[in-house]
Protein backbone atom coordinates (compact mmCIF):
# COMPACT_ATOMS: atom_id res chain seq x y z
CA UNK A 1 -65.33 26.39 69.11
CA UNK A 2 -67.24 28.10 66.27
CA UNK A 3 -63.95 28.78 64.47
CA UNK A 4 -63.20 25.04 64.38
CA UNK A 5 -66.54 24.35 62.69
CA UNK A 6 -65.95 27.05 60.07
CA UNK A 7 -62.48 25.74 59.19
CA UNK A 8 -63.85 22.20 58.86
CA UNK A 9 -66.59 23.33 56.46
CA UNK A 10 -64.23 25.41 54.30
CA UNK A 11 -61.67 22.62 54.07
CA UNK A 12 -64.09 19.80 53.31
CA UNK A 13 -62.80 17.89 50.27
CA UNK A 14 -66.22 16.36 49.60
CA UNK A 15 -67.49 19.66 48.20
CA UNK A 16 -67.46 19.96 44.42
CA UNK A 17 -67.36 23.09 42.28
CA UNK A 18 -70.45 23.65 40.16
CA UNK A 19 -70.62 25.79 37.03
CA UNK A 20 -73.50 27.17 34.97
CA UNK A 21 -74.19 24.95 31.93
CA UNK A 22 -75.09 28.08 29.91
CA UNK A 23 -72.32 30.63 30.60
CA UNK A 24 -69.93 28.22 32.37
CA UNK A 25 -69.21 30.62 35.22
CA UNK A 26 -68.78 29.46 38.80
CA UNK A 27 -72.02 28.94 40.74
CA UNK A 28 -71.06 27.45 44.08
CA UNK A 29 -69.25 24.75 46.00
CA UNK A 30 -71.18 22.04 47.71
CA UNK A 31 -72.82 18.69 47.24
CA UNK A 32 -76.09 18.60 45.33
CA UNK A 33 -78.08 15.98 43.50
CA UNK A 34 -80.39 18.41 41.69
CA UNK A 35 -80.15 22.16 41.30
CA UNK A 36 -82.97 24.55 40.41
CA UNK A 37 -81.90 28.18 40.39
CA UNK A 38 -81.22 31.21 38.23
CA UNK A 39 -77.59 31.84 37.33
CA UNK A 40 -76.43 35.11 38.93
CA UNK A 41 -74.21 35.79 35.90
CA UNK A 42 -76.32 35.10 32.78
CA UNK A 43 -79.76 35.09 34.52
CA UNK A 44 -80.84 31.88 32.78
CA UNK A 45 -82.77 29.24 34.70
CA UNK A 46 -80.85 26.10 35.61
CA UNK A 47 -82.72 22.85 36.21
CA UNK A 48 -80.05 20.17 36.21
CA UNK A 49 -78.88 17.15 38.11
CA UNK A 50 -75.31 16.71 39.34
CA UNK A 51 -74.10 15.12 36.09
CA UNK A 52 -75.34 18.04 33.99
CA UNK A 53 -73.52 20.65 36.10
CA UNK A 54 -70.19 20.60 34.34
CA UNK A 55 -66.95 21.17 36.16
CA UNK A 56 -64.07 23.18 34.69
CA UNK A 57 -62.20 19.93 34.00
CA UNK A 58 -65.06 18.56 31.88
CA UNK A 59 -65.38 21.52 29.51
CA UNK A 60 -61.84 22.97 29.49
CA UNK A 61 -61.18 21.10 26.25
CA UNK A 62 -64.29 22.58 24.63
CA UNK A 63 -63.08 26.15 25.19
CA UNK A 64 -59.60 25.65 23.69
């Protein structure tokens, strides 16, 4: 029964990928409205709402 719950959580399409607005590296998958944390990659503090946490699709054009 526990295995069914784990597969459901991992396969949930409602989860979004969130990236650091400073170094643009992957932070986590989930559903947040506001995020306050330190990036584990660049160690800068992040205090952003969902719209400020850019996805790879939003900034892929900026990197090219």
